Amino acid sequence: MTYSRNRYDQDFKKNAVRLSFNSSKPVKIIASELGVPESALYRWRKLYTEDGKQTPFASLEAENRALKRENAELALERDMLKKSAAYFASLQKEPRSFLVNHY
């Protein structure tokens, strides 16, 4: 059995959140009528207000995603620099006799 993940656009999410806030029905019933998982509707309610505006949680989540992406890129760069430093260090195996004073 294959599992396909549904993707919903922002307008659908905002309308679903508005409906869930303005309806007297429980979220579980609204979610089943819309054909979305109940957990997704609760997550969308964290991201959007009943007016359809983004909540502070949504902006923090976006910032967190961006910081995680930047952290992964920096870790990759660090690892590449470590490997290149080790490579260039292995090329300098000759003793540096000119630094030693022979008195």
N, C-alpha and C. Protein backbone atom coordinates (compact mmCIF):
# COMPACT_ATOMS: atom_id res chain seq x y z
N MET A 1 0.84 -1.17 0.00
CA MET A 1 0.00 0.00 0.00
C MET A 1 0.89 1.24 0.00
N THR A 2 0.65 2.12 -0.94
CA THR A 2 1.44 3.34 -1.02
C THR A 2 0.72 4.47 -0.31
N TYR A 3 1.50 5.33 0.27
CA TYR A 3 0.96 6.45 1.03
C TYR A 3 1.28 7.72 0.26
N SER A 4 0.25 8.48 -0.05
CA SER A 4 0.50 9.76 -0.73
C SER A 4 0.18 10.89 0.23
N ARG A 5 1.06 11.84 0.25
CA ARG A 5 0.91 12.96 1.17
C ARG A 5 0.19 14.10 0.47
N ASN A 6 -0.88 14.57 1.06
CA ASN A 6 -1.61 15.69 0.48
C ASN A 6 -0.97 16.99 0.90
N ARG A 7 -0.92 17.91 -0.03
CA ARG A 7 -0.40 19.25 0.25
C ARG A 7 -1.55 20.22 0.05
N TYR A 8 -1.71 21.10 1.00
CA TYR A 8 -2.79 22.07 0.96
C TYR A 8 -2.20 23.47 0.85
N ASP A 9 -2.83 24.32 0.03
CA ASP A 9 -2.32 25.68 -0.11
C ASP A 9 -2.75 26.53 1.08
N GLN A 10 -2.17 27.71 1.18
CA GLN A 10 -2.42 28.57 2.34
C GLN A 10 -3.86 29.02 2.42
N ASP A 11 -4.50 29.29 1.28
CA ASP A 11 -5.90 29.72 1.30
C ASP A 11 -6.80 28.65 1.90
N PHE A 12 -6.55 27.38 1.53
CA PHE A 12 -7.34 26.29 2.08
C PHE A 12 -7.14 26.20 3.59
N LYS A 13 -5.89 26.32 4.03
CA LYS A 13 -5.60 26.25 5.46
C LYS A 13 -6.28 27.38 6.23
N LYS A 14 -6.17 28.61 5.68
CA LYS A 14 -6.79 29.75 6.36
C LYS A 14 -8.30 29.60 6.45
N ASN A 15 -8.91 29.14 5.36
CA ASN A 15 -10.36 28.94 5.37
C ASN A 15 -10.78 27.83 6.34
N ALA A 16 -9.98 26.78 6.40
CA ALA A 16 -10.28 25.69 7.33
C ALA A 16 -10.17 26.18 8.78
N VAL A 17 -9.19 27.01 9.06
CA VAL A 17 -9.03 27.56 10.41
C VAL A 17 -10.19 28.49 10.76
N ARG A 18 -10.57 29.35 9.80
CA ARG A 18 -11.71 30.24 10.02
C ARG A 18 -12.97 29.44 10.33
N LEU A 19 -13.19 28.39 9.54
CA LEU A 19 -14.36 27.54 9.74
C LEU A 19 -14.32 26.87 11.11
N SER A 20 -13.14 26.41 11.52
CA SER A 20 -13.05 25.72 12.80
C SER A 20 -13.28 26.67 13.98
N PHE A 21 -12.87 27.93 13.84
CA PHE A 21 -13.10 28.90 14.92
C PHE A 21 -14.55 29.39 14.96
N ASN A 22 -15.15 29.55 13.78
CA ASN A 22 -16.49 30.14 13.72
C ASN A 22 -17.62 29.13 13.81
N SER A 23 -17.33 27.87 13.74
CA SER A 23 -18.36 26.84 13.79
C SER A 23 -18.56 26.34 15.21
N SER A 24 -19.76 25.88 15.48
CA SER A 24 -20.03 25.30 16.79
C SER A 24 -19.68 23.81 16.82
N LYS A 25 -19.32 23.26 15.67
CA LYS A 25 -18.96 21.83 15.59
C LYS A 25 -17.57 21.62 16.18
N PRO A 26 -17.31 20.44 16.70
CA PRO A 26 -15.96 20.13 17.19
C PRO A 26 -14.96 20.06 16.03
N VAL A 27 -13.71 20.28 16.35
CA VAL A 27 -12.64 20.28 15.35
C VAL A 27 -12.57 18.92 14.66
N LYS A 28 -12.79 17.87 15.39
CA LYS A 28 -12.71 16.53 14.82
C LYS A 28 -13.70 16.36 13.68
N ILE A 29 -14.91 16.85 13.85
CA ILE A 29 -15.94 16.71 12.82
C ILE A 29 -15.62 17.61 11.62
N ILE A 30 -15.17 18.82 11.88
CA ILE A 30 -14.82 19.73 10.78
C ILE A 30 -13.68 19.14 9.96
N ALA A 31 -12.69 18.58 10.65
CA ALA A 31 -11.55 17.98 9.94
C ALA A 31 -12.00 16.82 9.07
N SER A 32 -12.88 15.98 9.58
CA SER A 32 -13.35 14.85 8.78
C SER A 32 -14.20 15.32 7.60
N GLU A 33 -14.98 16.39 7.78
CA GLU A 33 -15.78 16.92 6.67
C GLU A 33 -14.88 17.51 5.58
N LEU A 34 -13.78 18.10 5.98
CA LEU A 34 -12.85 18.68 5.02
C LEU A 34 -11.91 17.64 4.42
N GLY A 35 -11.83 16.49 5.04
CA GLY A 35 -10.95 15.43 4.54
C GLY A 35 -9.49 15.63 4.92
N VAL A 36 -9.26 16.29 6.05
CA VAL A 36 -7.90 16.49 6.53
C VAL A 36 -7.76 15.84 7.90
N PRO A 37 -6.55 15.46 8.28
CA PRO A 37 -6.36 14.90 9.61
C PRO A 37 -6.63 15.95 10.69
N GLU A 38 -7.14 15.49 11.80
CA GLU A 38 -7.46 16.39 12.91
C GLU A 38 -6.19 17.10 13.41
N SER A 39 -5.09 16.37 13.45
CA SER A 39 -3.83 16.97 13.92
C SER A 39 -3.37 18.09 13.01
N ALA A 40 -3.62 17.96 11.71
CA ALA A 40 -3.23 19.02 10.77
C ALA A 40 -4.04 20.28 11.03
N LEU A 41 -5.31 20.12 11.29
CA LEU A 41 -6.15 21.29 11.56
C LEU A 41 -5.72 21.98 12.85
N TYR A 42 -5.38 21.23 13.86
CA TYR A 42 -4.88 21.83 15.11
C TYR A 42 -3.54 22.56 14.86
N ARG A 43 -2.68 21.98 14.04
CA ARG A 43 -1.40 22.62 13.72
C ARG A 43 -1.64 23.92 12.96
N TRP A 44 -2.60 23.91 12.02
CA TRP A 44 -2.92 25.12 11.27
C TRP A 44 -3.50 26.20 12.19
N ARG A 45 -4.23 25.77 13.22
CA ARG A 45 -4.79 26.74 14.16
C ARG A 45 -3.68 27.42 14.96
N LYS A 46 -2.53 26.76 15.11
CA LYS A 46 -1.39 27.40 15.77
C LYS A 46 -0.74 28.42 14.85
N LEU A 47 -0.83 28.19 13.53
CA LEU A 47 -0.16 29.05 12.56
C LEU A 47 -0.99 30.27 12.16
N TYR A 48 -2.32 30.14 12.17
CA TYR A 48 -3.20 31.22 11.71
C TYR A 48 -4.24 31.56 12.75
N THR A 49 -4.57 32.86 12.82
CA THR A 49 -5.64 33.30 13.71
C THR A 49 -6.97 33.10 13.00
N GLU A 50 -8.06 33.40 13.70
CA GLU A 50 -9.35 33.23 13.05
C GLU A 50 -9.59 34.28 11.96
N ASP A 51 -8.78 35.33 11.93
CA ASP A 51 -8.85 36.32 10.85
C ASP A 51 -8.04 35.90 9.63
N GLY A 52 -7.24 34.87 9.76
CA GLY A 52 -6.40 34.41 8.66
C GLY A 52 -4.99 34.98 8.69
N LYS A 53 -4.67 35.72 9.75
CA LYS A 53 -3.32 36.28 9.88
C LYS A 53 -2.40 35.27 10.53
N GLN A 54 -1.10 35.43 10.28
CA GLN A 54 -0.14 34.52 10.89
C GLN A 54 0.05 34.86 12.36
N THR A 55 0.22 33.84 13.15
CA THR A 55 0.48 34.01 14.57
C THR A 55 1.97 34.18 14.79
N PRO A 56 2.39 34.65 15.96
CA PRO A 56 3.83 34.74 16.25
C PRO A 56 4.51 33.37 16.18
N PHE A 57 3.78 32.31 16.47
CA PHE A 57 4.33 30.96 16.40
C PHE A 57 4.76 30.64 14.97
N ALA A 58 3.99 31.11 13.98
CA ALA A 58 4.32 30.83 12.58
C ALA A 58 5.64 31.49 12.18
N SER A 59 5.85 32.72 12.62
CA SER A 59 7.09 33.40 12.27
C SER A 59 8.28 32.76 12.98
N LEU A 60 8.09 32.31 14.21
CA LEU A 60 9.17 31.62 14.91
C LEU A 60 9.51 30.30 14.25
N GLU A 61 8.49 29.61 13.76
CA GLU A 61 8.71 28.33 13.10
C GLU A 61 9.49 28.53 11.80
N ALA A 62 9.16 29.57 11.05
CA ALA A 62 9.88 29.86 9.81
C ALA A 62 11.33 30.23 10.11
N GLU A 63 11.55 31.03 11.14
CA GLU A 63 12.90 31.42 11.53
C GLU A 63 13.71 30.20 11.98
N ASN A 64 13.06 29.31 12.72
CA ASN A 64 13.73 28.10 13.19
C ASN A 64 14.15 27.23 12.01
N ARG A 65 13.29 27.10 11.00
CA ARG A 65 13.63 26.32 9.81
C ARG A 65 14.82 26.92 9.09
N ALA A 66 14.84 28.26 8.96
CA ALA A 66 15.95 28.93 8.28
C ALA A 66 17.25 28.74 9.05
N LEU A 67 17.20 28.83 10.37
CA LEU A 67 18.41 28.65 11.18
C LEU A 67 18.93 27.22 11.11
N LYS A 68 18.03 26.25 11.07
CA LYS A 68 18.46 24.85 10.94
C LYS A 68 19.14 24.62 9.61
N ARG A 69 18.60 25.23 8.56
CA ARG A 69 19.19 25.10 7.22
C ARG A 69 20.59 25.73 7.20
N GLU A 70 20.72 26.91 7.79
CA GLU A 70 22.02 27.59 7.84
C GLU A 70 23.02 26.79 8.67
N ASN A 71 22.56 26.20 9.77
CA ASN A 71 23.43 25.39 10.62
C ASN A 71 23.95 24.17 9.86
N ALA A 72 23.09 23.54 9.07
CA ALA A 72 23.52 22.39 8.28
C ALA A 72 24.55 22.78 7.24
N GLU A 73 24.35 23.95 6.60
CA GLU A 73 25.32 24.42 5.61
C GLU A 73 26.67 24.72 6.26
N LEU A 74 26.65 25.35 7.42
CA LEU A 74 27.89 25.66 8.12
C LEU A 74 28.62 24.41 8.57
N ALA A 75 27.88 23.40 9.01
CA ALA A 75 28.50 22.14 9.41
C ALA A 75 29.17 21.47 8.22
N LEU A 76 28.53 21.54 7.06
CA LEU A 76 29.10 20.96 5.85
C LEU A 76 30.39 21.70 5.46
N GLU A 77 30.37 23.03 5.53
CA GLU A 77 31.56 23.82 5.23
C GLU A 77 32.69 23.50 6.20
N ARG A 78 32.36 23.38 7.50
CA ARG A 78 33.37 23.05 8.51
C ARG A 78 34.02 21.71 8.20
N ASP A 79 33.22 20.72 7.86
CA ASP A 79 33.76 19.39 7.57
C ASP A 79 34.67 19.42 6.34
N MET A 80 34.28 20.21 5.33
CA MET A 80 35.12 20.32 4.14
C MET A 80 36.45 21.00 4.48
N LEU A 81 36.41 22.02 5.32
CA LEU A 81 37.64 22.70 5.71
C LEU A 81 38.55 21.79 6.53
N LYS A 82 37.97 20.97 7.39
CA LYS A 82 38.78 20.03 8.17
C LYS A 82 39.50 19.04 7.25
N LYS A 83 38.77 18.54 6.26
CA LYS A 83 39.37 17.56 5.34
C LYS A 83 40.47 18.21 4.49
N SER A 84 40.21 19.44 4.04
CA SER A 84 41.24 20.10 3.22
C SER A 84 42.47 20.44 4.07
N ALA A 85 42.28 20.83 5.32
CA ALA A 85 43.41 21.13 6.19
C ALA A 85 44.23 19.87 6.44
N ALA A 86 43.57 18.74 6.64
CA ALA A 86 44.28 17.48 6.85
C ALA A 86 45.05 17.09 5.59
N TYR A 87 44.46 17.33 4.43
CA TYR A 87 45.13 16.99 3.18
C TYR A 87 46.40 17.82 3.00
N PHE A 88 46.29 19.13 3.20
CA PHE A 88 47.46 20.00 3.02
C PHE A 88 48.51 19.74 4.10
N ALA A 89 48.10 19.35 5.28
CA ALA A 89 49.07 19.02 6.32
C ALA A 89 49.83 17.76 5.96
N SER A 90 49.19 16.83 5.29
CA SER A 90 49.87 15.60 4.90
C SER A 90 50.90 15.84 3.80
N LEU A 91 50.76 16.92 3.05
CA LEU A 91 51.72 17.24 1.99
C LEU A 91 53.02 17.81 2.56
N GLN A 92 52.99 18.32 3.76
CA GLN A 92 54.16 18.95 4.37
C GLN A 92 54.84 17.99 5.35
N LYS A 93 55.33 16.88 4.84
CA LYS A 93 55.97 15.89 5.70
C LYS A 93 57.46 16.15 5.89
N GLU A 94 58.05 17.02 5.08
CA GLU A 94 59.47 17.29 5.19
C GLU A 94 59.78 18.01 6.50
N PRO A 95 60.88 17.66 7.13
CA PRO A 95 61.26 18.40 8.34
C PRO A 95 61.71 19.80 7.96
N ARG A 96 61.47 20.71 8.79
CA ARG A 96 61.83 22.10 8.52
C ARG A 96 63.18 22.40 9.19
N SER A 97 64.22 22.01 8.52
CA SER A 97 65.56 22.15 9.09
C SER A 97 66.01 23.59 9.14
N PHE A 98 65.48 24.45 8.32
CA PHE A 98 65.91 25.84 8.32
C PHE A 98 65.44 26.58 9.56
N LEU A 99 64.52 26.02 10.32
CA LEU A 99 64.05 26.65 11.53
C LEU A 99 64.92 26.32 12.75
N VAL A 100 65.72 25.28 12.64
CA VAL A 100 66.54 24.83 13.76
C VAL A 100 67.89 25.55 13.70
N ASN A 101 68.33 26.11 14.81
CA ASN A 101 69.63 26.78 14.89
C ASN A 101 70.71 25.74 15.17
N HIS A 102 71.76 25.77 14.37
CA HIS A 102 72.88 24.86 14.59
C HIS A 102 74.08 25.66 15.09
N TYR A 103 74.22 25.76 16.37
CA TYR A 103 75.34 26.51 16.97
C TYR A 103 76.35 25.58 17.53
